[in-house]
Amino acid sequence: MYAFPPIPLIARVLRKILLDGSRVILICPDWPKRSWYPLLRSLSVQQPLMLPVRKDLLYQGPIFHPDPGRLRLAAWILSSSS
């Protein structure tokens, strides 16, 4: 599966992965100070792939994210069975 949840839902998504035993590619920030970060790291099966900081990284039609670099997005491969 693949998921790119809104930031307020990351903890909920991580708990769902933990309970369901799913294998997921999760796009989320590399923010070590967040309360959900230890769970993210414990579910990770390998080092995350940091996404490149580009103006067109996050956009919808004519609307671009004002500062995609601030998010420090990464692709994480997660599994509760690791």
PDB file of N, CA and C in Angstrom:
ATOM      1  N   MET A   1       0.836  -1.172   0.000  1.00  0.00           N
ATOM      2  CA  MET A   1       0.000   0.000   0.000  1.00  0.00           C
ATOM      3  C   MET A   1       0.883   1.237   0.000  1.00  0.00           C
ATOM      4  N   TYR A   2       0.259   2.351  -0.295  1.00  0.00           N
ATOM      5  CA  TYR A   2       0.912   3.649  -0.326  1.00  0.00           C
ATOM      6  C   TYR A   2       0.025   4.637   0.412  1.00  0.00           C
ATOM      7  N   ALA A   3       0.632   5.503   1.227  1.00  0.00           N
ATOM      8  CA  ALA A   3      -0.153   6.511   1.943  1.00  0.00           C
ATOM      9  C   ALA A   3       0.648   7.803   2.075  1.00  0.00           C
ATOM     10  N   PHE A   4      -0.051   8.907   1.949  1.00  0.00           N
ATOM     11  CA  PHE A   4       0.509  10.247   2.161  1.00  0.00           C
ATOM     12  C   PHE A   4      -0.543  11.029   2.951  1.00  0.00           C
ATOM     13  N   PRO A   5      -0.671  10.691   4.248  1.00  0.00           N
ATOM     14  CA  PRO A   5      -1.745  11.289   5.047  1.00  0.00           C
ATOM     15  C   PRO A   5      -1.435  12.726   5.444  1.00  0.00           C
ATOM     16  N   PRO A   6      -2.472  13.490   5.756  1.00  0.00           N
ATOM     17  CA  PRO A   6      -2.249  14.809   6.343  1.00  0.00           C
ATOM     18  C   PRO A   6      -1.474  14.651   7.659  1.00  0.00           C
ATOM     19  N   ILE A   7      -0.655  15.610   7.976  1.00  0.00           N
ATOM     20  CA  ILE A   7       0.201  15.517   9.164  1.00  0.00           C
ATOM     21  C   ILE A   7      -0.580  15.198  10.440  1.00  0.00           C
ATOM     22  N   PRO A   8      -1.747  15.802  10.685  1.00  0.00           N
ATOM     23  CA  PRO A   8      -2.474  15.467  11.923  1.00  0.00           C
ATOM     24  C   PRO A   8      -2.925  14.009  12.011  1.00  0.00           C
ATOM     25  N   LEU A   9      -2.920  13.268  10.893  1.00  0.00           N
ATOM     26  CA  LEU A   9      -3.374  11.873  10.903  1.00  0.00           C
ATOM     27  C   LEU A   9      -2.231  10.859  10.939  1.00  0.00           C
ATOM     28  N   ILE A  10      -0.990  11.309  10.945  1.00  0.00           N
ATOM     29  CA  ILE A  10       0.142  10.381  10.882  1.00  0.00           C
ATOM     30  C   ILE A  10       0.129   9.384  12.042  1.00  0.00           C
ATOM     31  N   ALA A  11      -0.067   9.840  13.256  1.00  0.00           N
ATOM     32  CA  ALA A  11      -0.075   8.926  14.411  1.00  0.00           C
ATOM     33  C   ALA A  11      -1.147   7.857  14.259  1.00  0.00           C
ATOM     34  N   ARG A  12      -2.301   8.243  13.796  1.00  0.00           N
ATOM     35  CA  ARG A  12      -3.410   7.300  13.602  1.00  0.00           C
ATOM     36  C   ARG A  12      -3.066   6.260  12.523  1.00  0.00           C
ATOM     37  N   VAL A  13      -2.446   6.719  11.433  1.00  0.00           N
ATOM     38  CA  VAL A  13      -2.045   5.812  10.357  1.00  0.00           C
ATOM     39  C   VAL A  13      -0.993   4.826  10.862  1.00  0.00           C
ATOM     40  N   LEU A  14      -0.034   5.306  11.644  1.00  0.00           N
ATOM     41  CA  LEU A  14       1.001   4.426  12.185  1.00  0.00           C
ATOM     42  C   LEU A  14       0.401   3.356  13.103  1.00  0.00           C
ATOM     43  N   ARG A  15      -0.545   3.739  13.942  1.00  0.00           N
ATOM     44  CA  ARG A  15      -1.196   2.755  14.817  1.00  0.00           C
ATOM     45  C   ARG A  15      -1.960   1.711  13.994  1.00  0.00           C
ATOM     46  N   LYS A  16      -2.582   2.142  12.904  1.00  0.00           N
ATOM     47  CA  LYS A  16      -3.320   1.218  12.035  1.00  0.00           C
ATOM     48  C   LYS A  16      -2.353   0.218  11.385  1.00  0.00           C
ATOM     49  N   ILE A  17      -1.195   0.705  10.936  1.00  0.00           N
ATOM     50  CA  ILE A  17      -0.181  -0.183  10.357  1.00  0.00           C
ATOM     51  C   ILE A  17       0.269  -1.197  11.406  1.00  0.00           C
ATOM     52  N   LEU A  18       0.499  -0.720  12.619  1.00  0.00           N
ATOM     53  CA  LEU A  18       0.934  -1.597  13.712  1.00  0.00           C
ATOM     54  C   LEU A  18      -0.091  -2.689  13.992  1.00  0.00           C
ATOM     55  N   LEU A  19      -1.356  -2.316  14.060  1.00  0.00           N
ATOM     56  CA  LEU A  19      -2.417  -3.278  14.380  1.00  0.00           C
ATOM     57  C   LEU A  19      -2.718  -4.253  13.245  1.00  0.00           C
ATOM     58  N   ASP A  20      -2.661  -3.768  12.011  1.00  0.00           N
ATOM     59  CA  ASP A  20      -3.050  -4.593  10.864  1.00  0.00           C
ATOM     60  C   ASP A  20      -1.924  -5.447  10.305  1.00  0.00           C
ATOM     61  N   GLY A  21      -0.695  -5.148  10.648  1.00  0.00           N
ATOM     62  CA  GLY A  21       0.419  -5.893  10.078  1.00  0.00           C
ATOM     63  C   GLY A  21       0.626  -5.597   8.605  1.00  0.00           C
ATOM     64  N   SER A  22       0.253  -4.410   8.194  1.00  0.00           N
ATOM     65  CA  SER A  22       0.373  -4.026   6.786  1.00  0.00           C
ATOM     66  C   SER A  22       1.811  -3.667   6.430  1.00  0.00           C
ATOM     67  N   ARG A  23       2.096  -3.744   5.146  1.00  0.00           N
ATOM     68  CA  ARG A  23       3.365  -3.239   4.613  1.00  0.00           C
ATOM     69  C   ARG A  23       2.994  -2.025   3.774  1.00  0.00           C
ATOM     70  N   VAL A  24       3.584  -0.874   4.099  1.00  0.00           N
ATOM     71  CA  VAL A  24       3.145   0.395   3.535  1.00  0.00           C
ATOM     72  C   VAL A  24       4.340   1.248   3.140  1.00  0.00           C
ATOM     73  N   ILE A  25       4.219   1.928   2.014  1.00  0.00           N
ATOM     74  CA  ILE A  25       5.134   3.021   1.698  1.00  0.00           C
ATOM     75  C   ILE A  25       4.427   4.280   2.191  1.00  0.00           C
ATOM     76  N   LEU A  26       5.018   4.921   3.176  1.00  0.00           N
ATOM     77  CA  LEU A  26       4.410   6.095   3.791  1.00  0.00           C
ATOM     78  C   LEU A  26       5.249   7.324   3.464  1.00  0.00           C
ATOM     79  N   ILE A  27       4.589   8.341   2.957  1.00  0.00           N
ATOM     80  CA  ILE A  27       5.247   9.625   2.736  1.00  0.00           C
ATOM     81  C   ILE A  27       4.898  10.496   3.931  1.00  0.00           C
ATOM     82  N   CYS A  28       5.934  10.880   4.675  1.00  0.00           N
ATOM     83  CA  CYS A  28       5.705  11.758   5.823  1.00  0.00           C
ATOM     84  C   CYS A  28       7.004  12.466   6.183  1.00  0.00           C
ATOM     85  N   PRO A  29       6.898  13.514   6.986  1.00  0.00           N
ATOM     86  CA  PRO A  29       8.087  14.279   7.348  1.00  0.00           C
ATOM     87  C   PRO A  29       9.059  13.493   8.228  1.00  0.00           C
ATOM     88  N   ASP A  30      10.308  13.827   8.088  1.00  0.00           N
ATOM     89  CA  ASP A  30      11.356  13.299   8.963  1.00  0.00           C
ATOM     90  C   ASP A  30      11.518  14.316  10.091  1.00  0.00           C
ATOM     91  N   TRP A  31      10.638  14.210  11.076  1.00  0.00           N
ATOM     92  CA  TRP A  31      10.583  15.154  12.190  1.00  0.00           C
ATOM     93  C   TRP A  31      10.794  14.403  13.503  1.00  0.00           C
ATOM     94  N   PRO A  32      12.035  14.228  13.938  1.00  0.00           N
ATOM     95  CA  PRO A  32      12.339  13.424  15.126  1.00  0.00           C
ATOM     96  C   PRO A  32      11.696  13.895  16.429  1.00  0.00           C
ATOM     97  N   LYS A  33      11.298  15.123  16.527  1.00  0.00           N
ATOM     98  CA  LYS A  33      10.742  15.624  17.799  1.00  0.00           C
ATOM     99  C   LYS A  33       9.241  15.389  17.943  1.00  0.00           C
ATOM    100  N   ARG A  34       8.608  14.845  16.934  1.00  0.00           N
ATOM    101  CA  ARG A  34       7.170  14.578  17.027  1.00  0.00           C
ATOM    102  C   ARG A  34       6.907  13.328  17.860  1.00  0.00           C
ATOM    103  N   SER A  35       5.796  13.292  18.527  1.00  0.00           N
ATOM    104  CA  SER A  35       5.476  12.170  19.423  1.00  0.00           C
ATOM    105  C   SER A  35       5.341  10.846  18.673  1.00  0.00           C
ATOM    106  N   TRP A  36       4.962  10.875  17.412  1.00  0.00           N
ATOM    107  CA  TRP A  36       4.780   9.656  16.635  1.00  0.00           C
ATOM    108  C   TRP A  36       6.083   9.131  16.028  1.00  0.00           C
ATOM    109  N   TYR A  37       7.168   9.893  16.113  1.00  0.00           N
ATOM    110  CA  TYR A  37       8.423   9.516  15.453  1.00  0.00           C
ATOM    111  C   TYR A  37       9.019   8.192  15.954  1.00  0.00           C
ATOM    112  N   PRO A  38       9.050   7.911  17.260  1.00  0.00           N
ATOM    113  CA  PRO A  38       9.583   6.603  17.697  1.00  0.00           C
ATOM    114  C   PRO A  38       8.827   5.413  17.091  1.00  0.00           C
ATOM    115  N   LEU A  39       7.511   5.532  16.982  1.00  0.00           N
ATOM    116  CA  LEU A  39       6.732   4.460  16.361  1.00  0.00           C
ATOM    117  C   LEU A  39       7.070   4.356  14.873  1.00  0.00           C
ATOM    118  N   LEU A  40       7.201   5.477  14.207  1.00  0.00           N
ATOM    119  CA  LEU A  40       7.599   5.486  12.802  1.00  0.00           C
ATOM    120  C   LEU A  40       8.915   4.746  12.612  1.00  0.00           C
ATOM    121  N   ARG A  41       9.904   5.061  13.444  1.00  0.00           N
ATOM    122  CA  ARG A  41      11.219   4.418  13.326  1.00  0.00           C
ATOM    123  C   ARG A  41      11.136   2.917  13.634  1.00  0.00           C
ATOM    124  N   SER A  42      10.316   2.551  14.608  1.00  0.00           N
ATOM    125  CA  SER A  42      10.228   1.128  14.966  1.00  0.00           C
ATOM    126  C   SER A  42       9.541   0.308  13.869  1.00  0.00           C
ATOM    127  N   LEU A  43       8.671   0.923  13.088  1.00  0.00           N
ATOM    128  CA  LEU A  43       8.000   0.225  11.992  1.00  0.00           C
ATOM    129  C   LEU A  43       8.817   0.222  10.703  1.00  0.00           C
ATOM    130  N   SER A  44       9.822   1.065  10.627  1.00  0.00           N
ATOM    131  CA  SER A  44      10.624   1.210   9.417  1.00  0.00           C
ATOM    132  C   SER A  44      11.485  -0.029   9.185  1.00  0.00           C
ATOM    133  N   VAL A  45      11.475  -0.538   7.952  1.00  0.00           N
ATOM    134  CA  VAL A  45      12.264  -1.729   7.630  1.00  0.00           C
ATOM    135  C   VAL A  45      13.589  -1.377   6.958  1.00  0.00           C
ATOM    136  N   GLN A  46      13.771  -0.111   6.612  1.00  0.00           N
ATOM    137  CA  GLN A  46      15.039   0.355   6.049  1.00  0.00           C
ATOM    138  C   GLN A  46      15.107   1.874   6.188  1.00  0.00           C
ATOM    139  N   GLN A  47      16.258   2.419   5.871  1.00  0.00           N
ATOM    140  CA  GLN A  47      16.425   3.862   5.964  1.00  0.00           C
ATOM    141  C   GLN A  47      15.449   4.547   5.007  1.00  0.00           C
ATOM    142  N   PRO A  48      14.860   5.664   5.425  1.00  0.00           N
ATOM    143  CA  PRO A  48      13.922   6.360   4.540  1.00  0.00           C
ATOM    144  C   PRO A  48      14.659   6.997   3.364  1.00  0.00           C
ATOM    145  N   LEU A  49      13.939   7.177   2.291  1.00  0.00           N
ATOM    146  CA  LEU A  49      14.452   7.865   1.119  1.00  0.00           C
ATOM    147  C   LEU A  49      13.964   9.306   1.194  1.00  0.00           C
ATOM    148  N   MET A  50      14.899  10.226   1.384  1.00  0.00           N
ATOM    149  CA  MET A  50      14.515  11.636   1.465  1.00  0.00           C
ATOM    150  C   MET A  50      14.094  12.123   0.075  1.00  0.00           C
ATOM    151  N   LEU A  51      12.957  12.792   0.019  1.00  0.00           N
ATOM    152  CA  LEU A  51      12.472  13.305  -1.256  1.00  0.00           C
ATOM    153  C   LEU A  51      13.199  14.607  -1.585  1.00  0.00           C
ATOM    154  N   PRO A  52      13.470  14.849  -2.851  1.00  0.00           N
ATOM    155  CA  PRO A  52      14.193  16.068  -3.228  1.00  0.00           C
ATOM    156  C   PRO A  52      13.342  17.312  -2.970  1.00  0.00           C
ATOM    157  N   VAL A  53      13.997  18.380  -2.594  1.00  0.00           N
ATOM    158  CA  VAL A  53      13.289  19.646  -2.379  1.00  0.00           C
ATOM    159  C   VAL A  53      13.191  20.339  -3.731  1.00  0.00           C
ATOM    160  N   ARG A  54      11.983  20.403  -4.231  1.00  0.00           N
ATOM    161  CA  ARG A  54      11.719  21.031  -5.524  1.00  0.00           C
ATOM    162  C   ARG A  54      10.458  21.874  -5.410  1.00  0.00           C
ATOM    163  N   LYS A  55      10.401  22.920  -6.162  1.00  0.00           N
ATOM    164  CA  LYS A  55       9.225  23.791  -6.141  1.00  0.00           C
ATOM    165  C   LYS A  55       7.959  23.017  -6.505  1.00  0.00           C
ATOM    166  N   ASP A  56       8.083  22.051  -7.418  1.00  0.00           N
ATOM    167  CA  ASP A  56       6.917  21.302  -7.871  1.00  0.00           C
ATOM    168  C   ASP A  56       6.703  19.995  -7.107  1.00  0.00           C
ATOM    169  N   LEU A  57       7.334  19.856  -5.949  1.00  0.00           N
ATOM    170  CA  LEU A  57       7.163  18.645  -5.151  1.00  0.00           C
ATOM    171  C   LEU A  57       5.708  18.472  -4.703  1.00  0.00           C
ATOM    172  N   LEU A  58       5.096  19.548  -4.261  1.00  0.00           N
ATOM    173  CA  LEU A  58       3.709  19.507  -3.783  1.00  0.00           C
ATOM    174  C   LEU A  58       2.906  20.610  -4.465  1.00  0.00           C
ATOM    175  N   TYR A  59       2.025  20.215  -5.345  1.00  0.00           N
ATOM    176  CA  TYR A  59       1.172  21.214  -5.973  1.00  0.00           C
ATOM    177  C   TYR A  59      -0.123  20.579  -6.450  1.00  0.00           C
ATOM    178  N   GLN A  60      -1.132  21.422  -6.566  1.00  0.00           N
ATOM    179  CA  GLN A  60      -2.416  21.023  -7.128  1.00  0.00           C
ATOM    180  C   GLN A  60      -2.781  22.072  -8.148  1.00  0.00           C
ATOM    181  N   GLY A  61      -2.732  21.698  -9.407  1.00  0.00           N
ATOM    182  CA  GLY A  61      -3.041  22.651 -10.472  1.00  0.00           C
ATOM    183  C   GLY A  61      -2.125  23.856 -10.393  1.00  0.00           C
ATOM    184  N   PRO A  62      -2.689  25.034 -10.241  1.00  0.00           N
ATOM    185  CA  PRO A  62      -1.845  26.231 -10.187  1.00  0.00           C
ATOM    186  C   PRO A  62      -1.324  26.561  -8.784  1.00  0.00           C
ATOM    187  N   ILE A  63      -1.673  25.756  -7.778  1.00  0.00           N
ATOM    188  CA  ILE A  63      -1.316  26.072  -6.391  1.00  0.00           C
ATOM    189  C   ILE A  63      -0.110  25.234  -5.967  1.00  0.00           C
ATOM    190  N   PHE A  64       0.974  25.922  -5.568  1.00  0.00           N
ATOM    191  CA  PHE A  64       2.197  25.268  -5.114  1.00  0.00           C
ATOM    192  C   PHE A  64       2.354  25.467  -3.609  1.00  0.00           C
ATOM    193  N   HIS A  65       2.928  24.471  -2.940  1.00  0.00           N
ATOM    194  CA  HIS A  65       3.226  24.620  -1.521  1.00  0.00           C
ATOM    195  C   HIS A  65       4.259  25.735  -1.375  1.00  0.00           C
ATOM    196  N   PRO A  66       4.088  26.656  -0.411  1.00  0.00           N
ATOM    197  CA  PRO A  66       4.998  27.795  -0.307  1.00  0.00           C
ATOM    198  C   PRO A  66       6.413  27.435   0.148  1.00  0.00           C
ATOM    199  N   ASP A  67       6.583  26.325   0.873  1.00  0.00           N
ATOM    200  CA  ASP A  67       7.913  25.974   1.382  1.00  0.00           C
ATOM    201  C   ASP A  67       8.041  24.459   1.564  1.00  0.00           C
ATOM    202  N   PRO A  68       8.160  23.699   0.462  1.00  0.00           N
ATOM    203  CA  PRO A  68       8.219  22.238   0.589  1.00  0.00           C
ATOM    204  C   PRO A  68       9.457  21.749   1.345  1.00  0.00           C
ATOM    205  N   GLY A  69      10.527  22.507   1.369  1.00  0.00           N
ATOM    206  CA  GLY A  69      11.732  22.108   2.088  1.00  0.00           C
ATOM    207  C   GLY A  69      11.526  22.030   3.587  1.00  0.00           C
ATOM    208  N   ARG A  70      10.614  22.829   4.099  1.00  0.00           N
ATOM    209  CA  ARG A  70      10.327  22.841   5.536  1.00  0.00           C
ATOM    210  C   ARG A  70       9.748  21.504   6.009  1.00  0.00           C
ATOM    211  N   LEU A  71       9.104  20.785   5.111  1.00  0.00           N
ATOM    212  CA  LEU A  71       8.463  19.525   5.482  1.00  0.00           C
ATOM    213  C   LEU A  71       9.451  18.378   5.644  1.00  0.00           C
ATOM    214  N   ARG A  72      10.582  18.425   4.993  1.00  0.00           N
ATOM    215  CA  ARG A  72      11.576  17.328   5.044  1.00  0.00           C
ATOM    216  C   ARG A  72      10.899  15.982   4.788  1.00  0.00           C
ATOM    217  N   LEU A  73      10.208  15.879   3.659  1.00  0.00           N
ATOM    218  CA  LEU A  73       9.463  14.660   3.355  1.00  0.00           C
ATOM    219  C   LEU A  73      10.378  13.505   2.992  1.00  0.00           C
ATOM    220  N   ALA A  74       9.955  12.334   3.422  1.00  0.00           N
ATOM    221  CA  ALA A  74      10.692  11.105   3.128  1.00  0.00           C
ATOM    222  C   ALA A  74       9.697   9.999   2.806  1.00  0.00           C
ATOM    223  N   ALA A  75      10.177   9.030   2.037  1.00  0.00           N
ATOM    224  CA  ALA A  75       9.400   7.821   1.756  1.00  0.00           C
ATOM    225  C   ALA A  75       9.907   6.733   2.702  1.00  0.00           C
ATOM    226  N   TRP A  76       9.029   6.231   3.518  1.00  0.00           N
ATOM    227  CA  TRP A  76       9.354   5.214   4.510  1.00  0.00           C
ATOM    228  C   TRP A  76       8.694   3.898   4.126  1.00  0.00           C
ATOM    229  N   ILE A  77       9.431   2.806   4.181  1.00  0.00           N
ATOM    230  CA  ILE A  77       8.832   1.490   4.006  1.00  0.00           C
ATOM    231  C   ILE A  77       8.603   0.941   5.405  1.00  0.00           C
ATOM    232  N   LEU A  78       7.345   0.686   5.707  1.00  0.00           N
ATOM    233  CA  LEU A  78       6.952   0.297   7.063  1.00  0.00           C
ATOM    234  C   LEU A  78       6.269  -1.061   7.071  1.00  0.00           C
ATOM    235  N   SER A  79       6.504  -1.783   8.150  1.00  0.00           N
ATOM    236  CA  SER A  79       5.827  -3.049   8.371  1.00  0.00           C
ATOM    237  C   SER A  79       5.870  -3.362   9.860  1.00  0.00           C
ATOM    238  N   SER A  80       4.776  -3.855  10.385  1.00  0.00           N
ATOM    239  CA  SER A  80       4.770  -4.225  11.793  1.00  0.00           C
ATOM    240  C   SER A  80       5.318  -5.627  11.999  1.00  0.00           C
ATOM    241  N   SER A  81       5.580  -6.327  10.915  1.00  0.00           N
ATOM    242  CA  SER A  81       6.105  -7.688  11.032  1.00  0.00           C
ATOM    243  C   SER A  81       7.622  -7.734  10.836  1.00  0.00           C
ATOM    244  N   SER A  82       8.303  -6.569  10.876  1.00  0.00           N
ATOM    245  CA  SER A  82       9.770  -6.555  10.657  1.00  0.00           C
ATOM    246  C   SER A  82      10.510  -6.966  11.905  1.00  0.00           C
TER     247      SER A  82
END
